[in-house]
Amino acid sequence: MKKIVLTLIIILFIFSCKENTENSPSVNLDNKLESTADKPVVQNTVKNQKADSLNVDSISPVIDHYICFRDDKVASRMIWLSYTDKGDAIQIKYKGQKAPIDLIFIREEFTKAGAHPTIIKYYSEKIATEVNGEYKVTHSGNWDYVEYTRGKDDKKFNFTIDFDSNPYGKEACF
């Protein structure tokens, strides 16, 4: 009888000790205990690339779809981003521009909060051999946003998905 009770206690102990990371406390840099229950969960993925790296894979990725965006302040300013089937941006093109600009993936953040998780991906734009600026591409629910920070003066431009331009279409909007 003692062996059965001991076995049950061990089994209960093993199953009750699984790690619960979402509501477990964490320690910040000041070694203060914080609760993460009311905070969004932010995870950096393993996919990271140095910002100063200009390496682009020799195999060109296949474009799955495009998303068109309009500038929040200047409605006539439009861009499109091309994406792979995994949701990674490949290129960006401004309306009136001759050729698209290659994008280099930097990092990804995932925030699990609210009704929809938020995925933020950062890309550098490569013109010739130089990194010229950085794009912050945010996806939450059916909304997509792009924030461009120009490299020479750190000026920011904000764009929002244009639902009237066939978002997630197989062809670019311009």
Protein backbone atom coordinates (compact mmCIF):
# COMPACT_ATOMS: atom_id res chain seq x y z
CA MET A 1 0.00 0.00 0.00
CA LYS A 2 2.88 2.37 0.79
CA LYS A 3 4.38 1.73 -2.65
CA ILE A 4 1.10 2.65 -4.37
CA VAL A 5 0.72 5.88 -2.37
CA LEU A 6 4.37 6.79 -2.97
CA THR A 7 3.99 6.10 -6.71
CA LEU A 8 0.86 8.28 -6.91
CA ILE A 9 2.60 11.13 -5.07
CA ILE A 10 5.56 10.96 -7.44
CA ILE A 11 3.28 10.94 -10.50
CA LEU A 12 1.29 13.92 -9.20
CA PHE A 13 4.51 15.75 -8.43
CA ILE A 14 5.87 15.17 -11.94
CA PHE A 15 2.69 16.38 -13.67
CA SER A 16 2.26 19.39 -11.39
CA CYS A 17 5.81 20.63 -11.97
CA LYS A 18 5.50 21.50 -15.64
CA GLU A 19 6.73 24.99 -16.38
CA ASN A 20 4.17 27.80 -16.64
CA THR A 21 5.93 30.73 -18.31
CA GLU A 22 3.04 33.08 -19.06
CA ASN A 23 2.16 33.95 -15.47
CA SER A 24 5.47 33.20 -13.80
CA PRO A 25 7.36 36.10 -12.26
CA SER A 26 10.47 37.41 -13.96
CA VAL A 27 13.50 39.33 -12.81
CA ASN A 28 14.37 42.58 -14.56
CA LEU A 29 17.86 44.04 -14.88
CA ASP A 30 17.62 45.66 -11.44
CA ASN A 31 16.95 42.21 -9.90
CA LYS A 32 13.44 43.25 -8.89
CA LEU A 33 10.72 40.64 -9.05
CA GLU A 34 7.99 41.49 -11.57
CA SER A 35 4.75 39.77 -12.45
CA THR A 36 4.18 39.12 -16.14
CA ALA A 37 0.48 38.35 -15.81
CA ASP A 38 -0.64 41.83 -16.91
CA LYS A 39 2.13 42.45 -19.43
CA PRO A 40 2.18 41.41 -23.07
CA VAL A 41 4.44 38.49 -23.84
CA VAL A 42 7.27 39.57 -26.14
CA GLN A 43 9.43 36.94 -27.75
CA ASN A 44 12.34 37.54 -30.06
CA THR A 45 12.61 34.79 -32.57
CA VAL A 46 15.79 32.97 -33.37
CA LYS A 47 15.88 34.67 -36.76
CA ASN A 48 18.29 37.58 -36.33
CA GLN A 49 20.75 39.20 -38.67
CA LYS A 50 23.33 41.88 -38.03
CA ALA A 51 22.07 45.27 -39.20
CA ASP A 52 25.37 46.04 -40.92
CA SER A 53 25.37 42.76 -42.82
CA LEU A 54 24.69 43.10 -46.53
CA ASN A 55 24.50 39.39 -47.32
CA VAL A 56 21.51 38.39 -49.39
CA ASP A 57 20.78 34.75 -50.12
CA SER A 58 21.92 33.74 -53.57
CA ILE A 59 18.60 31.97 -54.15
CA SER A 60 15.85 34.50 -54.81
CA PRO A 61 12.74 33.82 -52.73
CA VAL A 62 9.45 33.36 -54.55
CA ILE A 63 6.87 36.14 -54.19
CA ASP A 64 3.59 34.84 -52.82
CA HIS A 65 1.63 38.08 -52.43
CA TYR A 66 1.79 41.87 -52.24
CA ILE A 67 0.40 44.36 -49.74
CA CYS A 68 -0.15 47.99 -50.74
CA PHE A 69 0.15 50.84 -48.25
CA ARG A 70 -0.68 54.56 -48.26
CA ASP A 71 1.24 57.23 -46.40
CA ASP A 72 -0.70 58.43 -43.36
CA LYS A 73 0.01 62.10 -44.16
CA VAL A 74 0.37 62.20 -47.97
CA ALA A 75 -2.36 60.01 -49.50
CA SER A 76 -0.78 60.06 -52.96
CA ARG A 77 2.42 58.45 -51.61
CA MET A 78 2.04 54.69 -51.96
CA ILE A 79 4.29 51.68 -51.48
CA TRP A 80 3.95 47.95 -51.92
CA LEU A 81 5.80 45.17 -50.18
CA SER A 82 6.24 41.72 -51.70
CA TYR A 83 6.08 38.73 -49.35
CA THR A 84 6.99 35.05 -49.32
CA ASP A 85 4.44 32.39 -48.41
CA LYS A 86 5.90 32.50 -44.86
CA GLY A 87 5.08 36.20 -44.48
CA ASP A 88 8.61 37.56 -44.86
CA ALA A 89 8.96 40.81 -46.82
CA ILE A 90 11.31 40.60 -49.79
CA GLN A 91 11.15 43.95 -51.57
CA ILE A 92 9.55 47.36 -51.36
CA LYS A 93 8.63 49.71 -54.18
CA TYR A 94 7.47 53.33 -54.03
CA LYS A 95 4.90 54.55 -56.55
CA GLY A 96 6.77 56.23 -59.41
CA GLN A 97 9.99 54.35 -58.70
CA LYS A 98 11.48 52.25 -61.53
CA ALA A 99 12.73 49.22 -59.61
CA PRO A 100 11.95 47.69 -56.23
CA ILE A 101 14.40 47.86 -53.32
CA ASP A 102 15.64 44.66 -51.69
CA LEU A 103 14.91 44.24 -47.99
CA ILE A 104 17.22 42.53 -45.51
CA PHE A 105 15.60 40.88 -42.49
CA ILE A 106 16.95 42.09 -39.13
CA ARG A 107 14.73 40.67 -36.40
CA GLU A 108 11.17 39.75 -35.39
CA GLU A 109 9.12 40.44 -32.26
CA PHE A 110 5.91 38.72 -31.21
CA THR A 111 3.54 40.34 -28.71
CA LYS A 112 0.70 38.23 -27.37
CA ALA A 113 -1.80 40.77 -26.04
CA GLY A 114 -5.35 41.84 -26.74
CA ALA A 115 -7.64 40.19 -29.24
CA HIS A 116 -4.91 39.56 -31.82
CA PRO A 117 -1.19 38.89 -31.44
CA THR A 118 1.09 41.52 -32.94
CA ILE A 119 4.03 40.55 -35.13
CA ILE A 120 6.68 43.20 -35.73
CA LYS A 121 9.45 42.57 -38.25
CA TYR A 122 12.39 44.86 -38.90
CA TYR A 123 14.13 45.16 -42.25
CA SER A 124 16.96 47.24 -43.71
CA GLU A 125 16.74 48.53 -47.25
CA LYS A 126 19.77 47.94 -49.41
CA ILE A 127 20.43 50.35 -52.26
CA ALA A 128 23.48 49.32 -54.30
CA THR A 129 25.80 48.18 -51.51
CA GLU A 130 24.63 50.51 -48.74
CA VAL A 131 21.96 50.18 -46.07
CA ASN A 132 19.87 53.32 -46.55
CA GLY A 133 17.08 53.07 -43.96
CA GLU A 134 15.02 50.75 -41.79
CA TYR A 135 11.45 49.47 -42.03
CA LYS A 136 9.34 48.37 -39.09
CA VAL A 137 6.49 46.22 -40.45
CA THR A 138 3.66 45.56 -37.97
CA HIS A 139 0.88 43.01 -38.46
CA SER A 140 -2.06 42.71 -36.03
CA GLY A 141 -5.33 41.06 -37.01
CA ASN A 142 -6.15 42.27 -40.52
CA TRP A 143 -4.20 45.52 -40.12
CA ASP A 144 -0.69 46.10 -41.41
CA TYR A 145 1.52 49.13 -40.85
CA VAL A 146 4.93 50.21 -42.10
CA GLU A 147 7.15 52.75 -40.38
CA TYR A 148 10.16 53.82 -42.44
CA THR A 149 13.10 55.56 -40.78
CA ARG A 150 15.28 57.29 -43.34
CA GLY A 151 18.96 56.69 -42.63
CA LYS A 152 20.41 60.11 -43.45
CA ASP A 153 18.23 62.16 -41.07
CA ASP A 154 16.16 59.63 -39.05
CA LYS A 155 12.93 61.13 -40.43
CA LYS A 156 9.98 58.75 -39.99
CA PHE A 157 7.24 57.99 -42.51
CA ASN A 158 4.15 55.97 -41.55
CA PHE A 159 2.05 53.88 -43.92
CA THR A 160 -1.17 51.90 -43.39
CA ILE A 161 -2.54 49.01 -45.45
CA ASP A 162 -4.72 50.16 -48.34
CA PHE A 163 -7.73 47.85 -48.33
CA ASP A 164 -8.94 49.38 -51.63
CA SER A 165 -5.83 48.20 -53.52
CA ASN A 166 -6.33 44.42 -53.44
CA PRO A 167 -4.40 43.65 -50.25
CA TYR A 168 -2.72 40.24 -50.17
CA GLY A 169 -3.11 40.12 -53.94
CA LYS A 170 -0.99 38.12 -56.36
CA GLU A 171 -0.13 41.29 -58.30
CA ALA A 172 1.26 44.61 -57.14
CA CYS A 173 -1.15 47.56 -56.98
CA PHE A 174 0.98 49.71 -59.33
